[in-house]
Structure formats: C-alpha cells, structure tokens
Amino acid sequence: MFNVLKREALPIGLILLGAVLAMTLSLAVPKAGAVTIDELMAQINALQAQLQQLQGQQTGGATACTFTRSLYLGVSDPQVKCLQQYLNGAGYAVSASGAGSVGNETNYYGSRTQAAVAKWQAANSVSPAVGYFGPISRAKYSAVAGGGVTPPGGGVVTPPAAGGLSVGLSASTQAARTIVAGAANMSFGKFTFTAGSGDVTVTTMKFTKSGISADAEVGSAYLYDADSGDYLAQYSGLGSGVLTFTNSSGLFTVKAGQTRNVDLRLDVSSSASNNHTMAWGLGAAADVTSNATSVSGSFPSTTNAMTFVTVSDPAIATLTATTVATGDSVNAGTTGYLAGSFTLKASNSSVLLDRIVLTQNGSMISATDVANIKLVTTGGQQIGAVLPNLASDGRGTYVMSPAYEIPSGQTIQVNVYADVLAGVNRNMKFNVLNLRDVQARDKTYNIGVNPSASVAMTQTTIQAGTLTLTLDPSSPTGNVAPGQTNVTVGKFKMTSYGEQVKLLFIPFKLVTGGGTTDFSNEVDNVYLVDDAGNQIGTTITSPDASVAVGGSWTDGDSTAATFGTSSSNINYLIPANTTRILSLKLDIVSTATSTITGSLTTGTSNYQGQISLSTGGTTAVTANALTVTSNPFQGKLNTAIGATGNNLVKGQNNAKIGSWVLSASSAEGINVSTITWVASGTFPFANLMAKVNGVQFGNVDGSITAGDTETFAGASPAAIPAGGNITLDLYADVLSTATNVGNAYYAKLTSASAVGNTTATTQTLKDTGGTAITSSAAVNGQAYTINTAGPTITVDNDSSSPAAYQVAMGKTNQTLGIWKINGGTTEDTNITELSIKDKTGASGNKASFNNLQWYKGGVAFGPVVTAATASGTSGSETGWAYTFTFGTPLVVPQNSGIALELRGDVSSFASGGATSNSTHTFTFNADDTYMTARGAGSSLDSAVTDSAGTYLGSATTTNTFVGNAGTTTDVNAVTVARTKLTVTSDATGITTTGHPASSADVMAVFVFTADPAYDVTINTVTLKLAGSTLSSIVVQLIDADTGSAWGSTGSMDYNQTDNQGASTSVAFFPAYTLSAGATKRVKVQADTTGSTDVSDVAFTATTGSTNGTLAQWYIDNDTAADMGDYAALNALCWGDGTTACSTAGFNLESKMLPIYGPSVRY
C-alpha cells in the first residue's frame, strides 16, 4: 500500500473510489457470462494504477514508503516504484517523461533511478552519494520523510493472528557482500517465523530471485536454523527464478507463541559470473505454506543482494576427504573403540573447520548402543565436544570453537572414538553423509568450501558382550572374631558389558591357615549376596567335612563350594553395562586363631549373553586373607608424645602426665567400660582425671598417693570402632611442693574391662607383643621432668626487621623494629609488662615518636603508649623509655616463638615533638628497660636471655628483669627529618645497545622526588662511572624541563677543581630547592665525541676509544681515593629546611644506594 501526502489529490481519489465501488456493486449479482473474480481483480488493479497516475499529476507530493531491503542498479521490486514516486514528489525527478516520470514509475531500478538517488543522497549528506539505496539511505529517508522505514538490515514483523503465522526478514540478516564463485554454504538471508496461539508446521517455501544472475549460478540451497546452526532442509526445485523447499511432513515447526529464525544458505556455482548479483525474497503470503490459519507479514521480504566474483590468485581453497580403513568387529562393552577414520587435506589456502556432522546409519540403535563419541585429530587433539549420545536419527554434531585450522598443503586424520555399549549381532557405521555435513571456510576469502566427497567409514560388526570379575576396593582386611556371624570374607565387582548377561553358576573357594580337612568345624551358613540385597543361589549350611586338600574347600570336593552348577543353574541376570558388588558371607564357627581367605574361582561356560546367546567363563579373583583372632584388644604407649624428655613445672594445673592408645581389630568394635592405672612410687600430683579422645571419662580423684591404683568408669562405655582406636590421657595438677627427681614416669596402665560390640565376648587387653596387660606387666606412661624454676625465654632481632631508613615528620604507623621472642622448654610464658628503650644518641633530642603499639601477626596487641608518658633517660644511654602493661598477657608458646613488631607515629613538625636529623634505635638492651614474665601454668619467674644465652637482666630468677646496657637487641636506626628525598633512575628512551656518541649524549636520567611534607634543598650530587675505558668526555647535569645546566647558575655545575683530569667520580653542587611533593628529572649529558673543550668542562674520563665500550653512571658515596686529592663526599647532601647540608647532614638511605643508570654500549 502507499499513501499520497498532497491533499489536492483527495477529490480525484474520492471520485475514483466511488467508481470502483459502483463497479463492485454492479458485479454483486453475477449473470450468465459475467466476469470472473480474476477479471474483476484485474480491473481493480487497472483503476488503482489510474488513481496513482492522476495523483502523480497533481502539484507533486512525496510518497511514504516502507523499505525492507537495499535497492540498487538492476533490482526489480515494487519498493523501487515507491522510491521513484517519492523522488519525483520530493523534487529529484527520475525522468522528465516516459518510464520513471511522474505517473509512469516502474518496479525497475535503472540508471535514471540511480542518478536521482545520488542527487537526493548528496542533498541529504548521505555518503557516498553513488546511487546505492542501502541501510544508511533508508535510515536517512526515515528521518527526512517520516515513512514507515525498517531499521537497517531488519524486516517488519507483523504480530500473527491467533493460530496464524507471521513472516518477515530478520534484523540479523546477512548484509550485502561479495561471494567468490564456488563458495559453499553461504548465508543469503535470515527470516523470522512467529507462531500465534498454536504450533505451526511450515511445509513449503518459495523464494523468488532478483538481481542480474541465472538459476544455473546456484549449486545447491539449504535451510538452517539460524540460532543453533542445525540443518533443516535442502531445496526441492529451482526454475524460472523460483527456489522451492517442500516437505509434506514439515520443513520445520514453530512452537506456539515463539519465533524461529531460519537461514537461507546457498552453494554458489563455480561458473557464476563476475559482478552478477543475486537476492532472494518471499514475495507474498502465498509463498509460505503451513497449517497456520493465516500467514501475515511484510511482503515482499527480500534479502540483500550478493555480488559474485571469480578469483585465481590464490584460487579458492579445496578440501579433499578420504576414508581410512579401520577394524571391522568389536565386542560389546568395549570403550574408546576406533569406530572410523578419514583424512582432510587443504589446498590453495588454509581451511578453517567449523562443524562436522556424523551420521551412524548401521543397524545398531544409535541413541542407546553407543556413547561418548569424540573426534580426535592428528597428534591427539580433540575437536568439538564429546557427545554422550547420538540423536535417535543417528546424527551427532561437532562444533569447533575456535575453528580448527588445516594449513594449506597439509593433511589431518580425523579419528572417531566411541564406547560400544550394546548392539550385539548388529553393525555400526559412521558416515559423513552429505557435503554440507562438513562446514569449512577458506581462510583467505572467508567463504565456505565443501569437501571433495562424502565419507563412508568402515562398517563394524558388534560381537558378544562380556562379564568381568575384579576384587572390589572395599573388600575387608584385618581380623575377624570367632563366633562372629554374617562375616564378609570377600567383595567382588561383577560387570556386564554390551548385553544382558545370565550368570548360570559361580564356584568359590575357602582356604584356612590351620590345614583342617573338616570345614564343618570352621564355617557355616555360606552364602553370596549382591549390593541390592539379592541372594545369589542358596545358602550352604553343611560345608564339606572331609576336603581333598587340607585347609582348602573348593567346588571339586564332595560338598561342592559353588552356587549353582552347570546342570542346576541359578539364572542370575545382570542388565547390559551394569555393575554388581557381590559379597561372600559366612559364620565363623572355629574358636582357634587362624586365617581365612575367600575366592571366586574360574568358571567354565558359566554365563550366557542374552542377545548373542554365546557363553563365556568368569576369571578367578582372590580376596584378602583375614585373621581369626579372639584377642583383637590392644594397648600401647601413645607415640605421638615422646617416651622421654617431656617437661612439667611445679604448680602447673591440668598437666598431662601420661597418654596411651587402645585399638580394636577389624573383626569387630569393642566397648570399654573401665580403665585402671597405678601411680608411681613418687607421685607429686592431685586431682587425677582421665580423658578418652579429649572427653572426660569417669570422675576426678582429688587425692591420690604414691602406689595407689585408680580405676575410672565412664558414664557410658568408650566405643572403639572395628579397626579403629581411642586415645587415653591422664591429667593432674602438679603440687607446688614437687621436686625435680629427673626424667621419670608417674603412671602406668594396668588393665581395662571391655566386650566385643557384636559378639559381646569379654576382651583381654594385651600389649603389642600379645602379653596380657596386668599390674605386673603394665604399660608405663611417658617420662617427665618436673622443673622447679620458670621457663627461660630469649629475645633477639628478627630477620624481617627493616633496614635503617629515613622518615618524614607526620608519618603514621611506621615500623620501628621487629623482635623474635622464643619460648622456654617447660611451659608457655606470660608477659604482662615490658619497657623498651629508644636510644636517641644525643641529649636534647626529642622523643619524636608517638602512639606506639605492638603488633603480633599483623594484629594490634596491648595498649597504645604516647610520647607524653615516655620517660627521658640519660645515664649511660640517652633516650626515651616506653612502658607497656598488658591486661591480657602476651603468651610466648612453649618450644615455639612469636614475632613482635613495634609501630608508631612520627610527631609532626608543627607539634614541635620531633627533632630533625635525630636517629632512633629501639632496644631491650638498656639499663632502664625491663620485662615481667612468668610461667603460664606455674607462675614461676622467667629468665630472659639473648640467643647466645647472655642474661639481659641483672638476675636470672626474678620475674622482672632490669636490662643491661648492650647492643644484642638493637634494631636498625630510624632517622627523623622534616621531609625526605628519594631518587630513582629512568632509562626510558635511552638506547643501550649500539648507542651513538654525540656532543649532547644523554647517558642516564635520574628522578628526584621531595616528600609532600616539605621542600628539599639538594646541595651535592656525586656521580660515579663504571664500564670500559672511554675517550675523553665532558659531562654535565641538565634540567630535563628547561634544558639548561641544573642549578641556579652554570658555574655551580663544575667539579671541585674546575679542571680536566683522569677520574671515575665527579661531584656537582646544584643548591637546588625542590618543592614539597614535586619531582625533578635530571639528565646526565656528556660530549662523547672525544672533544676536550674545557670551556664547559665538568668531568673527563681516561682517554680511549668510545666505539664498542660500555659505560654506566650511578649515584653513590665517594671516598677520598675516588676523588683524587679531595675530600670524600656522600652520594647526596641535602637539607630539610631545618638541618642544612653538612658532613653530619642528610645523605640518601644506604639501602637505596647505589642508584644505577642504564648500562650503555657504544
């Protein structure tokens, strides 16, 4: 439809409309020989054409059009006519007369239309203005004409009626492009299909060709799901420019209320002509046949036009496919079977492999008989994902993301591996059925290429399934108890592969260690059961009483050890590819200590496949030997605690004085009701308590004397699991009157009463040698030494304590030192108070540090101590003492240690609390430091030493030691300044290899940065030179910002002598003030051409050849020897506004030096 915008046309339109209505009414009652419906429609169309002509003859008017595609030279489409009408009405006449003129617009886009479009594009700033009416022009038309324009690249989709179907061009349709002749599987356009209230099945689609091209230029055509990439259909006919897809069962189905995107793809004939164009469209609703009640949409819906080109250098890539023969038979149940193989060879250009579709079209059931199908290329690289199963039609799709590249001229082999689960007596055959099933691209031209041929791989016959037997990992080990019933003597894993298998019978064997011939006195009630609880065969209640071989009962004895026989089958069914766990169980009759071993022995033709009907035999599998013992209850010393060398401290509470382990065999668990110990001849303890696995067992005995027997009875028995153990610990308080009698044990384990938790038989506690544990054959506890003095701890510098550094006033949370405190050997130590000294080195220096606090493991501990509470001291060591009192003791673990970090804030300059250029060394070695430390359990006084064993205090036994002057715990000094200077090297832009000599050679750049706290005055910079011999050079420091000599005047750049000389060091005196927070880049610039001009000499090196030499400038301290006859200089001498440059002034931090520039080779 179209709308004429000029109102002057309205009267004529009404007149013609009335004429049409009159004609329609006159035809309402047909007579003999009256016109047909087709004739009537022709007349209506003629009247509409006249109406358009008359409207076009009015004073002119722009037509509102809806464009769903790009229009260009050679296109024939009704949208062209609307475009011509718009151009004529908007003042861009297509033609003055004849075709294309007002009232004579046509569907053909010729050269006149192209010229008119170009004029319109130029007037509306559409670039390029060449007459191609594409997405840019359509967007501009929408803006200036206000028509119903489709967004670029997209189609208008009309909502479907209930039960209907709406069709349109997809917004993601392929843009116009060039396609090489011979390209395969190329997308020409995407269409959307939206279903109404019901599912819609599309059975026929007809696409009409437009553009300058022939039907013969189409090789093949397909429909694909545009979202999944899955194949839908292949074309069924092409003639007179109409491409037809038909399938009475349905090309595809659109679910109710959903949209499906369909991609039209073509193979382009290799004979397609250069510059031919091709587009395809659904011209009307009648071109889509479906079961929908109606089809709506924006018609015609036409793709963008593709232009064909031919290429020869290189030619389009080829992909040659060749089958590789593989094995032709496999047993059902085989995993990882090589089910097929083929090769792909790329020629002319590299090929990118995107997708491969395999089809299994043998007689096996694809969806169930085969699994885990994967493709593996040369070198073992897997391409695409592993497919757990194939679709019911046998297809499996492998998508390569990213694409797998086959380099030009190379061949890859693609192997198909699969697990063959079933399909006995059937066959399996994998194929690449169609050329379209290999989707690949020419890497050079990015176009699709087909393989040379389809691939039919080797057909494989699936033979009989199998039944396997192995020992299950959970098969029991260890001991079994006499009299125990339903004992499992072996667990076996039985798996069927490929088909359902019937177990006909299964023989077994029992072997004992006693050599008996009468198994009726050894075992009873022997049976086999699976993991689902199903018994296999019948229970053997009367074992053979006279076996042929002593100690071994087999299926060859008079009472056969077998479940079922060849003549009396048990017919136990195992579904295909299923695993069962079989347990051989029995009752233990014998009370003698012995061993018993169960086995499933070799079966001959004892199973049958239920599809193949073939028979097979199971293999022999032997379980673990089990020990039949009536005494599995054992007690021993707990080896996790040393037998000797343990420490206790007098006054210690809740001290462990012995530990033992009780264990049960794997035969059954044991319930322990009482445990008995005997105290030693010397027993300085009270409040004896027993614990089982850390839980109190029985009551506490407050008073026990030497030699007493103590029995603890728990409120409920302590359970030892089968094959497990429990830990028994004995605790007591060490009396304050205890004395050190050396390393001795204080308790011994003498007995325990217990029963088996299955058999309820009384258990006798034995030692590891099998001897019953009694008061005369007891298991002694661990030996302990009772210490009568507190622990000795050591204090030393920690290796992580920072190197000496400078810090600007006002900085917070600075690390002042880190110390390692090692605990004693007898018990933990509690530190409740300590004092540490800040040695300032000179009287009058202020405390400088505030808000001091200790950190342990990075976590703050204890109080914050301010400078106001620090006590100034003089004596032999001038400084400030800071005292810390801990509400919660600082615990130093026994036989371990802690690292303590001291942090503090530097007082600000404004507060007046800090002294510029003062050094601060924190230490415990001072005459007025102290530490209060006691044993955590005993509260006995601790002694404090350094790692060399030297007592830091004046006494060894008092809990508070008063420090002695020394240096063993001194950490590195912190120097306080009003501000701080840092220097770094920057090699950016400096060539280090093949560096050219020049008269202004930049050999290094150093970056000077002032701390934001205050300005820095740089007075002296000392440079040193390393490397090979150089020719005479002249060096200066140059301000990188100004390009002038660094400093207030050039004269300040000379060295101390203002003369040439052979040296490796030079000093500069810039006297430069660097503002707070500022950065200054300074270049080391030299004349390396060999000039000896002394008018601007700053430094000369030893004469020699520059070419090939290596030179490196660096900042470092200088010695008198380096400077020749002159005094030594620091690397830098700088001031902070309070302390000026002097011999005792500021240098760079030693940890920063030397600062190397780049190593330059000429």
Foldseek 3Di string as FASTA:
>chain_A
DKDFDDPVLVVVVVVLVVVLVVVVVVPPDPDVVRDDPVVNVVVVVVSVLVSQLSSLPPPATAMFAEDQEKDDAFWFAVRQQNLLSRLQRVPLQLDCDDESGRSRDHRHCHPSQQVSQLVVCVVQVNPPSRSTCAQSNLVSCCVPVVHNYDHGQAWDWDDADALAKTKAFHSPFDAAEADEAQFFFAFQGKMKIFGAQAKKFWFKAKKAKGWFWDPVQFPWKFKAFPPPRHTQFTWDDDDPRITMTGDPVGSDMDGHRGMTMMTITTGTHNPTDAFTKIKIWRADQVRIDMPGPGYHYDGGHMTYIYGYHYDVQPHFKAKAKAWDADDAEDAFQDFFDFQTKMKIAIASFKKWWFKAKKFKDWPFQQFPFKAQKWKAKPPRRTFFGGGGTAPRRRIDMGGGVVTDIHGHGHMMMITITIRGFADAQIKIWMWRQDQVRTWMAGPVVRGTHTHPDIGTTHMHHYHYKDKAKEFDPPFDAWAAEAQFFFDFQGKMKIWIGHFKKWFFKWKKKKFKFPQAQACQQFWAFKWKAKPVGHTQAHTGGHAHGGAPTGRMAACPGPNHRMRHDPVGTSGDIDGTGDMIMMTITIHGRDNDKMKMKMKTAKAAQRMAGPPNRDTGIYHIYIGYIHIHHNAQKEKAFDVVDPQWDAAAEAQFFFDWQFKMKIAGALNFKKWWFKWKKFWAQQAQWAFKWKDKQNHTFAHTGGDDHHGDMDMTGGPGTDMHGHGGMIMMIITTGGHLPDDWPDWAHTMWTAFIWMATPRPRHTHFYDYPVRHGGHPVNTHTGGTYTYDHFWFAKEKFFDPPFDAEAEDAAFAFFAWQGKMKIATGAHWKKWWFKKKKWKQFPDPPFFQQWAQKFKDWPNHTFFGTWGSVPWDFDDPPTGTTMTMTGHPGTDIAGHRGITMIIMTTHGHAVVVVRGDAFTKIKMFCADQAIKIQMAGPRNRFAYFYHHPVRHGQFPDGGHRIGGGHHDPRHIDHIYGYHNKDKDKAWDQPPQDAEPGDAAQWHFQTKMKIWIALRWKKFWFKAKKFKDWDAAAWKAKFKAFPVPRHGAAPDLVQTAFPVLDEDAAGMGMGTRRDIAGRGHMTMITTTMRRPRDPDSPNGRYIHDHDYQAFIKMKMKQAWACCVRVPNDHTGGNIFMHRVPDHGDPSGDGHPPVNPTHIGHIHTD
